[in-house]
PDB file of all heavy atoms in Angstrom:
ATOM      1  N   ILE A   1     144.486 -82.340 -97.313  1.00  0.00           N
ATOM      2  CA  ILE A   1     145.342 -81.246 -96.637  1.00  0.00           C
ATOM      3  C   ILE A   1     144.960 -81.289 -95.204  1.00  0.00           C
ATOM      4  O   ILE A   1     143.794 -81.153 -94.823  1.00  0.00           O
ATOM      5  CB  ILE A   1     145.102 -79.890 -97.271  1.00  0.00           C
ATOM      6  CG1 ILE A   1     145.273 -79.927 -98.782  1.00  0.00           C
ATOM      7  CG2 ILE A   1     146.053 -78.861 -96.637  1.00  0.00           C
ATOM      8  CD1 ILE A   1     144.710 -78.677 -99.470  1.00  0.00           C
ATOM      9  N   ASP A   2     146.019 -81.298 -94.279  1.00  0.00           N
ATOM     10  CA  ASP A   2     145.771 -81.236 -92.928  1.00  0.00           C
ATOM     11  C   ASP A   2     146.942 -80.702 -92.148  1.00  0.00           C
ATOM     12  O   ASP A   2     148.099 -80.758 -92.650  1.00  0.00           O
ATOM     13  CB  ASP A   2     145.386 -82.651 -92.358  1.00  0.00           C
ATOM     14  CG  ASP A   2     144.650 -82.692 -91.030  1.00  0.00           C
ATOM     15  OD1 ASP A   2     145.273 -82.537 -89.992  1.00  0.00           O
ATOM     16  OD2 ASP A   2     143.376 -82.691 -91.126  1.00  0.00           O
ATOM     17  N   SER A   3     146.673 -80.179 -90.931  1.00  0.00           N
ATOM     18  CA  SER A   3     147.758 -79.644 -90.104  1.00  0.00           C
ATOM     19  C   SER A   3     148.121 -80.547 -89.000  1.00  0.00           C
ATOM     20  O   SER A   3     149.049 -80.271 -88.209  1.00  0.00           O
ATOM     21  CB  SER A   3     147.382 -78.248 -89.594  1.00  0.00           C
ATOM     22  OG  SER A   3     146.187 -78.356 -88.859  1.00  0.00           O
ATOM     23  N   PHE A   4     147.490 -81.727 -88.880  1.00  0.00           N
ATOM     24  CA  PHE A   4     147.740 -82.664 -87.804  1.00  0.00           C
ATOM     25  C   PHE A   4     147.904 -84.049 -88.296  1.00  0.00           C
ATOM     26  O   PHE A   4     148.903 -84.763 -87.959  1.00  0.00           O
ATOM     27  CB  PHE A   4     146.563 -82.702 -86.762  1.00  0.00           C
ATOM     28  CG  PHE A   4     146.386 -81.376 -86.112  1.00  0.00           C
ATOM     29  CD1 PHE A   4     145.383 -80.540 -86.437  1.00  0.00           C
ATOM     30  CD2 PHE A   4     147.221 -80.983 -85.095  1.00  0.00           C
ATOM     31  CE1 PHE A   4     145.130 -79.342 -85.843  1.00  0.00           C
ATOM     32  CE2 PHE A   4     147.072 -79.771 -84.448  1.00  0.00           C
ATOM     33  CZ  PHE A   4     146.012 -78.938 -84.767  1.00  0.00           C
ATOM     34  N   ASP A   5     147.066 -84.541 -89.224  1.00  0.00           N
ATOM     35  CA  ASP A   5     147.133 -85.969 -89.703  1.00  0.00           C
ATOM     36  C   ASP A   5     148.282 -86.134 -90.669  1.00  0.00           C
ATOM     37  O   ASP A   5     148.289 -85.539 -91.802  1.00  0.00           O
ATOM     38  CB  ASP A   5     145.794 -86.295 -90.383  1.00  0.00           C
ATOM     39  CG  ASP A   5     145.678 -87.804 -90.604  1.00  0.00           C
ATOM     40  OD1 ASP A   5     146.730 -88.450 -91.003  1.00  0.00           O
ATOM     41  OD2 ASP A   5     144.537 -88.333 -90.441  1.00  0.00           O
ATOM     42  N   LYS A   6     149.295 -86.889 -90.329  1.00  0.00           N
ATOM     43  CA  LYS A   6     150.436 -87.101 -91.139  1.00  0.00           C
ATOM     44  C   LYS A   6     150.187 -87.958 -92.398  1.00  0.00           C
ATOM     45  O   LYS A   6     151.067 -88.047 -93.281  1.00  0.00           O
ATOM     46  CB  LYS A   6     151.587 -87.677 -90.296  1.00  0.00           C
ATOM     47  CG  LYS A   6     152.017 -86.710 -89.256  1.00  0.00           C
ATOM     48  CD  LYS A   6     153.196 -87.348 -88.395  1.00  0.00           C
ATOM     49  CE  LYS A   6     153.697 -86.335 -87.355  1.00  0.00           C
ATOM     50  NZ  LYS A   6     154.790 -86.882 -86.532  1.00  0.00           N
ATOM     51  N   THR A   7     149.003 -88.597 -92.430  1.00  0.00           N
ATOM     52  CA  THR A   7     148.647 -89.475 -93.625  1.00  0.00           C
ATOM     53  C   THR A   7     148.024 -88.603 -94.681  1.00  0.00           C
ATOM     54  O   THR A   7     147.849 -89.127 -95.770  1.00  0.00           O
ATOM     55  CB  THR A   7     147.695 -90.562 -93.241  1.00  0.00           C
ATOM     56  OG1 THR A   7     146.429 -89.999 -92.830  1.00  0.00           O
ATOM     57  CG2 THR A   7     148.217 -91.390 -92.083  1.00  0.00           C
ATOM     58  N   ALA A   8     147.753 -87.335 -94.460  1.00  0.00           N
ATOM     59  CA  ALA A   8     147.243 -86.454 -95.536  1.00  0.00           C
ATOM     60  C   ALA A   8     148.318 -86.289 -96.650  1.00  0.00           C
ATOM     61  O   ALA A   8     149.499 -86.368 -96.353  1.00  0.00           O
ATOM     62  CB  ALA A   8     146.826 -85.125 -94.947  1.00  0.00           C
ATOM     63  N   ASP A   9     147.842 -85.949 -97.800  1.00  0.00           N
ATOM     64  CA  ASP A   9     148.808 -85.741 -98.926  1.00  0.00           C
ATOM     65  C   ASP A   9     149.681 -84.556 -98.689  1.00  0.00           C
ATOM     66  O   ASP A   9     150.835 -84.502 -99.093  1.00  0.00           O
ATOM     67  CB  ASP A   9     148.022 -85.571-100.228  1.00  0.00           C
ATOM     68  CG  ASP A   9     147.222 -86.836-100.584  1.00  0.00           C
ATOM     69  OD1 ASP A   9     147.825 -87.940-100.470  1.00  0.00           O
ATOM     70  OD2 ASP A   9     146.034 -86.714-100.960  1.00  0.00           O
ATOM     71  N   PHE A  10     149.137 -83.441 -98.065  1.00  0.00           N
ATOM     72  CA  PHE A  10     149.836 -82.258 -97.854  1.00  0.00           C
ATOM     73  C   PHE A  10     149.696 -81.748 -96.428  1.00  0.00           C
ATOM     74  O   PHE A  10     148.630 -81.848 -95.809  1.00  0.00           O
ATOM     75  CB  PHE A  10     149.390 -81.169 -98.811  1.00  0.00           C
ATOM     76  CG  PHE A  10     149.591 -81.461-100.304  1.00  0.00           C
ATOM     77  CD1 PHE A  10     148.545 -82.049-101.014  1.00  0.00           C
ATOM     78  CD2 PHE A  10     150.821 -81.202-100.893  1.00  0.00           C
ATOM     79  CE1 PHE A  10     148.704 -82.306-102.368  1.00  0.00           C
ATOM     80  CE2 PHE A  10     151.001 -81.507-102.255  1.00  0.00           C
ATOM     81  CZ  PHE A  10     150.003 -82.032-103.012  1.00  0.00           C
ATOM     82  N   PHE A  11     150.779 -81.178 -95.894  1.00  0.00           N
ATOM     83  CA  PHE A  11     150.722 -80.547 -94.579  1.00  0.00           C
ATOM     84  C   PHE A  11     150.592 -79.054 -94.769  1.00  0.00           C
ATOM     85  O   PHE A  11     151.299 -78.465 -95.615  1.00  0.00           O
ATOM     86  CB  PHE A  11     152.023 -80.865 -93.770  1.00  0.00           C
ATOM     87  CG  PHE A  11     152.153 -80.092 -92.509  1.00  0.00           C
ATOM     88  CD1 PHE A  11     151.454 -80.539 -91.370  1.00  0.00           C
ATOM     89  CD2 PHE A  11     152.863 -78.906 -92.429  1.00  0.00           C
ATOM     90  CE1 PHE A  11     151.488 -79.841 -90.153  1.00  0.00           C
ATOM     91  CE2 PHE A  11     152.932 -78.212 -91.188  1.00  0.00           C
ATOM     92  CZ  PHE A  11     152.283 -78.625 -90.063  1.00  0.00           C
ATOM     93  N   ALA A  12     149.695 -78.410 -94.056  1.00  0.00           N
ATOM     94  CA  ALA A  12     149.517 -76.978 -94.150  1.00  0.00           C
ATOM     95  C   ALA A  12     149.469 -76.423 -92.718  1.00  0.00           C
ATOM     96  O   ALA A  12     148.601 -76.740 -91.971  1.00  0.00           O
ATOM     97  CB  ALA A  12     148.271 -76.631 -94.901  1.00  0.00           C
ATOM     98  N   GLU A  13     150.400 -75.581 -92.386  1.00  0.00           N
ATOM     99  CA  GLU A  13     150.489 -75.047 -91.029  1.00  0.00           C
ATOM    100  C   GLU A  13     149.452 -73.941 -90.749  1.00  0.00           C
ATOM    101  O   GLU A  13     149.055 -73.746 -89.655  1.00  0.00           O
ATOM    102  CB  GLU A  13     151.921 -74.555 -90.773  1.00  0.00           C
ATOM    103  CG  GLU A  13     152.182 -74.161 -89.331  1.00  0.00           C
ATOM    104  CD  GLU A  13     153.592 -73.827 -89.089  1.00  0.00           C
ATOM    105  OE1 GLU A  13     154.437 -73.969 -90.008  1.00  0.00           O
ATOM    106  OE2 GLU A  13     153.948 -73.382 -87.973  1.00  0.00           O
ATOM    107  N   ASN A  14     149.060 -73.157 -91.743  1.00  0.00           N
ATOM    108  CA  ASN A  14     148.137 -72.105 -91.605  1.00  0.00           C
ATOM    109  C   ASN A  14     147.271 -71.895 -92.862  1.00  0.00           C
ATOM    110  O   ASN A  14     147.449 -72.678 -93.853  1.00  0.00           O
ATOM    111  CB  ASN A  14     148.876 -70.756 -91.304  1.00  0.00           C
ATOM    112  CG  ASN A  14     149.996 -70.461 -92.290  1.00  0.00           C
ATOM    113  OD1 ASN A  14     149.745 -70.569 -93.535  1.00  0.00           O
ATOM    114  ND2 ASN A  14     151.184 -70.179 -91.819  1.00  0.00           N
ATOM    115  N   SER A  15     146.358 -70.952 -92.868  1.00  0.00           N
ATOM    116  CA  SER A  15     145.439 -70.764 -93.982  1.00  0.00           C
ATOM    117  C   SER A  15     146.120 -70.362 -95.245  1.00  0.00           C
ATOM    118  O   SER A  15     145.700 -70.729 -96.355  1.00  0.00           O
ATOM    119  CB  SER A  15     144.380 -69.724 -93.570  1.00  0.00           C
ATOM    120  OG  SER A  15     143.623 -70.191 -92.475  1.00  0.00           O
ATOM    121  N   ALA A  16     147.187 -69.569 -95.136  1.00  0.00           N
ATOM    122  CA  ALA A  16     147.984 -69.190 -96.353  1.00  0.00           C
ATOM    123  C   ALA A  16     148.560 -70.465 -97.015  1.00  0.00           C
ATOM    124  O   ALA A  16     148.508 -70.556 -98.239  1.00  0.00           O
ATOM    125  CB  ALA A  16     149.074 -68.194 -96.013  1.00  0.00           C
ATOM    126  N   ASP A  17     149.079 -71.324 -96.166  1.00  0.00           N
ATOM    127  CA  ASP A  17     149.649 -72.626 -96.703  1.00  0.00           C
ATOM    128  C   ASP A  17     148.515 -73.473 -97.373  1.00  0.00           C
ATOM    129  O   ASP A  17     148.764 -74.040 -98.487  1.00  0.00           O
ATOM    130  CB  ASP A  17     150.249 -73.441 -95.599  1.00  0.00           C
ATOM    131  CG  ASP A  17     151.557 -72.816 -95.127  1.00  0.00           C
ATOM    132  OD1 ASP A  17     152.068 -71.964 -95.802  1.00  0.00           O
ATOM    133  OD2 ASP A  17     152.025 -73.248 -94.013  1.00  0.00           O
ATOM    134  N   VAL A  18     147.355 -73.462 -96.750  1.00  0.00           N
ATOM    135  CA  VAL A  18     146.175 -74.229 -97.320  1.00  0.00           C
ATOM    136  C   VAL A  18     145.836 -73.684 -98.672  1.00  0.00           C
ATOM    137  O   VAL A  18     145.718 -74.463 -99.619  1.00  0.00           O
ATOM    138  CB  VAL A  18     144.975 -74.098 -96.363  1.00  0.00           C
ATOM    139  CG1 VAL A  18     143.710 -74.661 -97.071  1.00  0.00           C
ATOM    140  CG2 VAL A  18     145.136 -74.847 -95.061  1.00  0.00           C
ATOM    141  N   ALA A  19     145.723 -72.381 -98.838  1.00  0.00           N
ATOM    142  CA  ALA A  19     145.355 -71.766-100.098  1.00  0.00           C
ATOM    143  C   ALA A  19     146.427 -72.074-101.187  1.00  0.00           C
ATOM    144  O   ALA A  19     146.149 -72.368-102.369  1.00  0.00           O
ATOM    145  CB  ALA A  19     145.146 -70.285 -99.945  1.00  0.00           C
ATOM    146  N   LYS A  20     147.717 -72.005-100.787  1.00  0.00           N
ATOM    147  CA  LYS A  20     148.828 -72.298-101.747  1.00  0.00           C
ATOM    148  C   LYS A  20     148.748 -73.721-102.246  1.00  0.00           C
ATOM    149  O   LYS A  20     148.914 -73.965-103.438  1.00  0.00           O
ATOM    150  CB  LYS A  20     150.095 -72.032-100.963  1.00  0.00           C
ATOM    151  CG  LYS A  20     151.386 -72.254-101.885  1.00  0.00           C
ATOM    152  CD  LYS A  20     152.635 -71.995-101.137  1.00  0.00           C
ATOM    153  CE  LYS A  20     153.837 -72.258-102.048  1.00  0.00           C
ATOM    154  NZ  LYS A  20     155.104 -72.027-101.278  1.00  0.00           N
ATOM    155  N   VAL A  21     148.469 -74.660-101.306  1.00  0.00           N
ATOM    156  CA  VAL A  21     148.335 -76.066-101.716  1.00  0.00           C
ATOM    157  C   VAL A  21     147.201 -76.270-102.606  1.00  0.00           C
ATOM    158  O   VAL A  21     147.194 -77.005-103.660  1.00  0.00           O
ATOM    159  CB  VAL A  21     148.282 -77.020-100.512  1.00  0.00           C
ATOM    160  CG1 VAL A  21     147.976 -78.429-100.900  1.00  0.00           C
ATOM    161  CG2 VAL A  21     149.603 -76.945 -99.676  1.00  0.00           C
ATOM    162  N   VAL A  22     146.007 -75.682-102.179  1.00  0.00           N
ATOM    163  CA  VAL A  22     144.777 -75.838-103.060  1.00  0.00           C
ATOM    164  C   VAL A  22     145.006 -75.401-104.443  1.00  0.00           C
ATOM    165  O   VAL A  22     144.600 -76.056-105.445  1.00  0.00           O
ATOM    166  CB  VAL A  22     143.626 -75.085-102.389  1.00  0.00           C
ATOM    167  CG1 VAL A  22     142.415 -74.922-103.351  1.00  0.00           C
ATOM    168  CG2 VAL A  22     143.149 -75.698-101.110  1.00  0.00           C
ATOM    169  N   LYS A  23     145.701 -74.300-104.603  1.00  0.00           N
ATOM    170  CA  LYS A  23     145.980 -73.722-105.984  1.00  0.00           C
ATOM    171  C   LYS A  23     147.009 -74.612-106.680  1.00  0.00           C
ATOM    172  O   LYS A  23     146.782 -74.980-107.899  1.00  0.00           O
ATOM    173  CB  LYS A  23     146.474 -72.294-105.807  1.00  0.00           C
ATOM    174  CG  LYS A  23     146.454 -71.507-107.127  1.00  0.00           C
ATOM    175  CD  LYS A  23     146.750 -70.057-106.882  1.00  0.00           C
ATOM    176  CE  LYS A  23     146.720 -69.275-108.182  1.00  0.00           C
ATOM    177  NZ  LYS A  23     146.885 -67.797-108.037  1.00  0.00           N
ATOM    178  N   GLU A  24     148.052 -74.984-106.002  1.00  0.00           N
ATOM    179  CA  GLU A  24     149.118 -75.681-106.673  1.00  0.00           C
ATOM    180  C   GLU A  24     148.737 -77.152-107.080  1.00  0.00           C
ATOM    181  O   GLU A  24     149.265 -77.628-108.070  1.00  0.00           O
ATOM    182  CB  GLU A  24     150.388 -75.759-105.773  1.00  0.00           C
ATOM    183  CG  GLU A  24     151.059 -74.421-105.708  1.00  0.00           C
ATOM    184  CD  GLU A  24     152.294 -74.470-104.785  1.00  0.00           C
ATOM    185  OE1 GLU A  24     152.524 -75.524-104.151  1.00  0.00           O
ATOM    186  OE2 GLU A  24     153.036 -73.460-104.700  1.00  0.00           O
ATOM    187  N   CYS A  25     147.737 -77.726-106.406  1.00  0.00           N
ATOM    188  CA  CYS A  25     147.389 -79.069-106.728  1.00  0.00           C
ATOM    189  C   CYS A  25     146.289 -79.135-107.912  1.00  0.00           C
ATOM    190  O   CYS A  25     145.786 -80.184-108.237  1.00  0.00           O
ATOM    191  CB  CYS A  25     146.849 -79.818-105.492  1.00  0.00           C
ATOM    192  SG  CYS A  25     145.277 -79.431-104.849  1.00  0.00           S
ATOM    193  N   GLY A  26     145.969 -77.921-108.372  1.00  0.00           N
ATOM    194  CA  GLY A  26     145.050 -77.857-109.487  1.00  0.00           C
ATOM    195  C   GLY A  26     143.633 -78.220-109.205  1.00  0.00           C
ATOM    196  O   GLY A  26     142.896 -78.706-110.073  1.00  0.00           O
ATOM    197  N   ALA A  27     143.098 -77.936-108.015  1.00  0.00           N
ATOM    198  CA  ALA A  27     141.854 -78.291-107.609  1.00  0.00           C
ATOM    199  C   ALA A  27     140.749 -77.529-108.372  1.00  0.00           C
ATOM    200  O   ALA A  27     140.907 -76.334-108.628  1.00  0.00           O
ATOM    201  CB  ALA A  27     141.677 -78.073-106.071  1.00  0.00           C
ATOM    202  N   ASP A  28     139.640 -78.181-108.759  1.00  0.00           N
ATOM    203  CA  ASP A  28     138.522 -77.527-109.300  1.00  0.00           C
ATOM    204  C   ASP A  28     137.594 -77.025-108.153  1.00  0.00           C
ATOM    205  O   ASP A  28     136.893 -76.057-108.371  1.00  0.00           O
ATOM    206  CB  ASP A  28     137.691 -78.566-110.164  1.00  0.00           C
ATOM    207  CG  ASP A  28     138.514 -79.025-111.355  1.00  0.00           C
ATOM    208  OD1 ASP A  28     139.038 -78.200-112.059  1.00  0.00           O
ATOM    209  OD2 ASP A  28     138.664 -80.236-111.501  1.00  0.00           O
ATOM    210  N   ILE A  29     137.547 -77.766-107.060  1.00  0.00           N
ATOM    211  CA  ILE A  29     136.735 -77.445-105.907  1.00  0.00           C
ATOM    212  C   ILE A  29     137.503 -77.748-104.670  1.00  0.00           C
ATOM    213  O   ILE A  29     138.268 -78.712-104.585  1.00  0.00           O
ATOM    214  CB  ILE A  29     135.452 -78.334-105.911  1.00  0.00           C
ATOM    215  CG1 ILE A  29     134.559 -77.998-107.023  1.00  0.00           C
ATOM    216  CG2 ILE A  29     134.697 -78.197-104.531  1.00  0.00           C
ATOM    217  CD1 ILE A  29     133.701 -76.702-106.863  1.00  0.00           C
ATOM    218  N   ALA A  30     137.340 -76.932-103.642  1.00  0.00           N
ATOM    219  CA  ALA A  30     137.937 -77.195-102.327  1.00  0.00           C
ATOM    220  C   ALA A  30     136.819 -77.490-101.312  1.00  0.00           C
ATOM    221  O   ALA A  30     135.751 -76.785-101.371  1.00  0.00           O
ATOM    222  CB  ALA A  30     138.767 -76.018-101.791  1.00  0.00           C
ATOM    223  N   ILE A  31     136.953 -78.433-100.444  1.00  0.00           N
ATOM    224  CA  ILE A  31     136.035 -78.790 -99.454  1.00  0.00           C
ATOM    225  C   ILE A  31     136.627 -78.552 -98.054  1.00  0.00           C
ATOM    226  O   ILE A  31     137.739 -79.155 -97.802  1.00  0.00           O
ATOM    227  CB  ILE A  31     135.489 -80.255 -99.539  1.00  0.00           C
ATOM    228  CG1 ILE A  31     134.883 -80.485-100.938  1.00  0.00           C
ATOM    229  CG2 ILE A  31     134.490 -80.584 -98.467  1.00  0.00           C
ATOM    230  CD1 ILE A  31     134.445 -81.947-101.160  1.00  0.00           C
ATOM    231  N   ASP A  32     135.985 -77.833 -97.177  1.00  0.00           N
ATOM    232  CA  ASP A  32     136.498 -77.578 -95.847  1.00  0.00           C
ATOM    233  C   ASP A  32     135.688 -78.219 -94.745  1.00  0.00           C
ATOM    234  O   ASP A  32     134.497 -77.855 -94.604  1.00  0.00           O
ATOM    235  CB  ASP A  32     136.567 -76.025 -95.640  1.00  0.00           C
ATOM    236  CG  ASP A  32     137.259 -75.628 -94.338  1.00  0.00           C
ATOM    237  OD1 ASP A  32     136.811 -76.097 -93.266  1.00  0.00           O
ATOM    238  OD2 ASP A  32     138.195 -74.876 -94.350  1.00  0.00           O
ATOM    239  N   PHE A  33     136.264 -79.160 -94.075  1.00  0.00           N
ATOM    240  CA  PHE A  33     135.681 -79.727 -92.866  1.00  0.00           C
ATOM    241  C   PHE A  33     136.783 -79.619 -91.804  1.00  0.00           C
ATOM    242  O   PHE A  33     137.379 -80.617 -91.437  1.00  0.00           O
ATOM    243  CB  PHE A  33     135.259 -81.181 -93.069  1.00  0.00           C
ATOM    244  CG  PHE A  33     133.875 -81.341 -93.548  1.00  0.00           C
ATOM    245  CD1 PHE A  33     133.522 -81.166 -94.930  1.00  0.00           C
ATOM    246  CD2 PHE A  33     132.799 -81.661 -92.688  1.00  0.00           C
ATOM    247  CE1 PHE A  33     132.316 -81.303 -95.423  1.00  0.00           C
ATOM    248  CE2 PHE A  33     131.479 -81.762 -93.239  1.00  0.00           C
ATOM    249  CZ  PHE A  33     131.252 -81.595 -94.510  1.00  0.00           C
ATOM    250  N   THR A  34     137.004 -78.413 -91.276  1.00  0.00           N
ATOM    251  CA  THR A  34     138.101 -78.222 -90.358  1.00  0.00           C
ATOM    252  C   THR A  34     137.544 -77.821 -88.960  1.00  0.00           C
ATOM    253  O   THR A  34     136.979 -78.634 -88.249  1.00  0.00           O
ATOM    254  CB  THR A  34     139.090 -77.143 -90.849  1.00  0.00           C
ATOM    255  OG1 THR A  34     138.333 -75.938 -91.182  1.00  0.00           O
ATOM    256  CG2 THR A  34     139.767 -77.601 -92.040  1.00  0.00           C
ATOM    257  N   HIS A  35     137.707 -76.578 -88.547  1.00  0.00           N
ATOM    258  CA  HIS A  35     137.415 -76.153 -87.210  1.00  0.00           C
ATOM    259  C   HIS A  35     136.890 -74.703 -87.268  1.00  0.00           C
ATOM    260  O   HIS A  35     137.367 -73.905 -88.092  1.00  0.00           O
ATOM    261  CB  HIS A  35     138.646 -76.207 -86.312  1.00  0.00           C
ATOM    262  CG  HIS A  35     138.354 -76.075 -84.825  1.00  0.00           C
ATOM    263  ND1 HIS A  35     138.198 -74.834 -84.241  1.00  0.00           N
ATOM    264  CD2 HIS A  35     138.169 -77.026 -83.855  1.00  0.00           C
ATOM    265  CE1 HIS A  35     137.957 -74.986 -82.949  1.00  0.00           C
ATOM    266  NE2 HIS A  35     137.888 -76.340 -82.708  1.00  0.00           N
ATOM    267  N   PRO A  36     135.939 -74.337 -86.409  1.00  0.00           N
ATOM    268  CA  PRO A  36     135.434 -72.980 -86.372  1.00  0.00           C
ATOM    269  C   PRO A  36     136.464 -71.859 -86.260  1.00  0.00           C
ATOM    270  O   PRO A  36     136.345 -70.774 -86.758  1.00  0.00           O
ATOM    271  CB  PRO A  36     134.478 -72.977 -85.201  1.00  0.00           C
ATOM    272  CG  PRO A  36     134.036 -74.384 -85.067  1.00  0.00           C
ATOM    273  CD  PRO A  36     135.211 -75.192 -85.403  1.00  0.00           C
ATOM    274  N   LYS A  37     137.619 -72.224 -85.554  1.00  0.00           N
ATOM    275  CA  LYS A  37     138.684 -71.265 -85.326  1.00  0.00           C
ATOM    276  C   LYS A  37     139.466 -70.987 -86.571  1.00  0.00           C
ATOM    277  O   LYS A  37     140.094 -69.916 -86.683  1.00  0.00           O
ATOM    278  CB  LYS A  37     139.589 -71.751 -84.248  1.00  0.00           C
ATOM    279  CG  LYS A  37     138.931 -71.694 -82.842  1.00  0.00           C
ATOM    280  CD  LYS A  37     139.937 -72.133 -81.758  1.00  0.00           C
ATOM    281  CE  LYS A  37     139.323 -72.104 -80.347  1.00  0.00           C
ATOM    282  NZ  LYS A  37     140.281 -72.528 -79.295  1.00  0.00           N
ATOM    283  N   SER A  38     139.463 -71.885 -87.555  1.00  0.00           N
ATOM    284  CA  SER A  38     140.273 -71.720 -88.766  1.00  0.00           C
ATOM    285  C   SER A  38     139.464 -71.534 -90.042  1.00  0.00           C
ATOM    286  O   SER A  38     139.986 -71.050 -91.072  1.00  0.00           O
ATOM    287  CB  SER A  38     141.129 -72.954 -88.971  1.00  0.00           C
ATOM    288  OG  SER A  38     140.385 -74.092 -89.077  1.00  0.00           O
ATOM    289  N   VAL A  39     138.141 -71.800 -90.013  1.00  0.00           N
ATOM    290  CA  VAL A  39     137.342 -71.759 -91.259  1.00  0.00           C
ATOM    291  C   VAL A  39     137.326 -70.339 -91.875  1.00  0.00           C
ATOM    292  O   VAL A  39     137.371 -70.258 -93.088  1.00  0.00           O
ATOM    293  CB  VAL A  39     135.995 -72.440 -91.058  1.00  0.00           C
ATOM    294  CG1 VAL A  39     135.127 -71.522 -90.179  1.00  0.00           C
ATOM    295  CG2 VAL A  39     135.298 -72.548 -92.420  1.00  0.00           C
ATOM    296  N   ILE A  40     137.124 -69.332 -91.058  1.00  0.00           N
ATOM    297  CA  ILE A  40     137.061 -68.001 -91.628  1.00  0.00           C
ATOM    298  C   ILE A  40     138.351 -67.617 -92.353  1.00  0.00           C
ATOM    299  O   ILE A  40     138.364 -67.014 -93.467  1.00  0.00           O
ATOM    300  CB  ILE A  40     136.677 -66.979 -90.591  1.00  0.00           C
ATOM    301  CG1 ILE A  40     135.214 -67.210 -90.073  1.00  0.00           C
ATOM    302  CG2 ILE A  40     136.755 -65.523 -91.151  1.00  0.00           C
ATOM    303  CD1 ILE A  40     134.113 -66.931 -91.075  1.00  0.00           C
ATOM    304  N   ASP A  41     139.482 -67.845 -91.685  1.00  0.00           N
ATOM    305  CA  ASP A  41     140.749 -67.570 -92.295  1.00  0.00           C
ATOM    306  C   ASP A  41     141.030 -68.358 -93.585  1.00  0.00           C
ATOM    307  O   ASP A  41     141.559 -67.883 -94.564  1.00  0.00           O
ATOM    308  CB  ASP A  41     141.917 -67.877 -91.293  1.00  0.00           C
ATOM    309  CG  ASP A  41     142.003 -66.829 -90.221  1.00  0.00           C
ATOM    310  OD1 ASP A  41     141.448 -65.695 -90.391  1.00  0.00           O
ATOM    311  OD2 ASP A  41     142.553 -67.121 -89.129  1.00  0.00           O
ATOM    312  N   ASN A  42     140.509 -69.605 -93.523  1.00  0.00           N
ATOM    313  CA  ASN A  42     140.616 -70.408 -94.770  1.00  0.00           C
ATOM    314  C   ASN A  42     139.826 -69.801 -95.884  1.00  0.00           C
ATOM    315  O   ASN A  42     140.244 -69.833 -97.037  1.00  0.00           O
ATOM    316  CB  ASN A  42     140.094 -71.904 -94.511  1.00  0.00           C
ATOM    317  CG  ASN A  42     141.040 -72.684 -93.707  1.00  0.00           C
ATOM    318  OD1 ASN A  42     142.204 -72.299 -93.499  1.00  0.00           O
ATOM    319  ND2 ASN A  42     140.594 -73.861 -93.200  1.00  0.00           N
ATOM    320  N   MET A  43     138.595 -69.307 -95.593  1.00  0.00           N
ATOM    321  CA  MET A  43     137.733 -68.740 -96.588  1.00  0.00           C
ATOM    322  C   MET A  43     138.510 -67.430 -97.184  1.00  0.00           C
ATOM    323  O   MET A  43     138.529 -67.257 -98.391  1.00  0.00           O
ATOM    324  CB  MET A  43     136.420 -68.263 -96.042  1.00  0.00           C
ATOM    325  CG  MET A  43     135.486 -69.355 -95.660  1.00  0.00           C
ATOM    326  SD  MET A  43     133.895 -68.713 -95.068  1.00  0.00           S
ATOM    327  CE  MET A  43     133.198 -70.145 -94.269  1.00  0.00           C
ATOM    328  N   LYS A  44     139.069 -66.668 -96.263  1.00  0.00           N
ATOM    329  CA  LYS A  44     139.727 -65.440 -96.711  1.00  0.00           C
ATOM    330  C   LYS A  44     140.937 -65.704 -97.621  1.00  0.00           C
ATOM    331  O   LYS A  44     141.305 -64.922 -98.461  1.00  0.00           O
ATOM    332  CB  LYS A  44     140.163 -64.631 -95.479  1.00  0.00           C
ATOM    333  CG  LYS A  44     139.003 -64.026 -94.730  1.00  0.00           C
ATOM    334  CD  LYS A  44     139.598 -63.237 -93.514  1.00  0.00           C
ATOM    335  CE  LYS A  44     138.418 -62.486 -92.718  1.00  0.00           C
ATOM    336  NZ  LYS A  44     138.980 -61.797 -91.549  1.00  0.00           N
TER     337      LYS A  44
END
């Protein structure tokens, strides 16, 4: 999942989109290596 790299499986514009994709793809675990400006919102 990425908001810039077009080769990613899913595009997510914001943290709400990220969470929606994480849930819909049936993930057991999510791994975040993004940016300090977005990581807290991703956690929330």
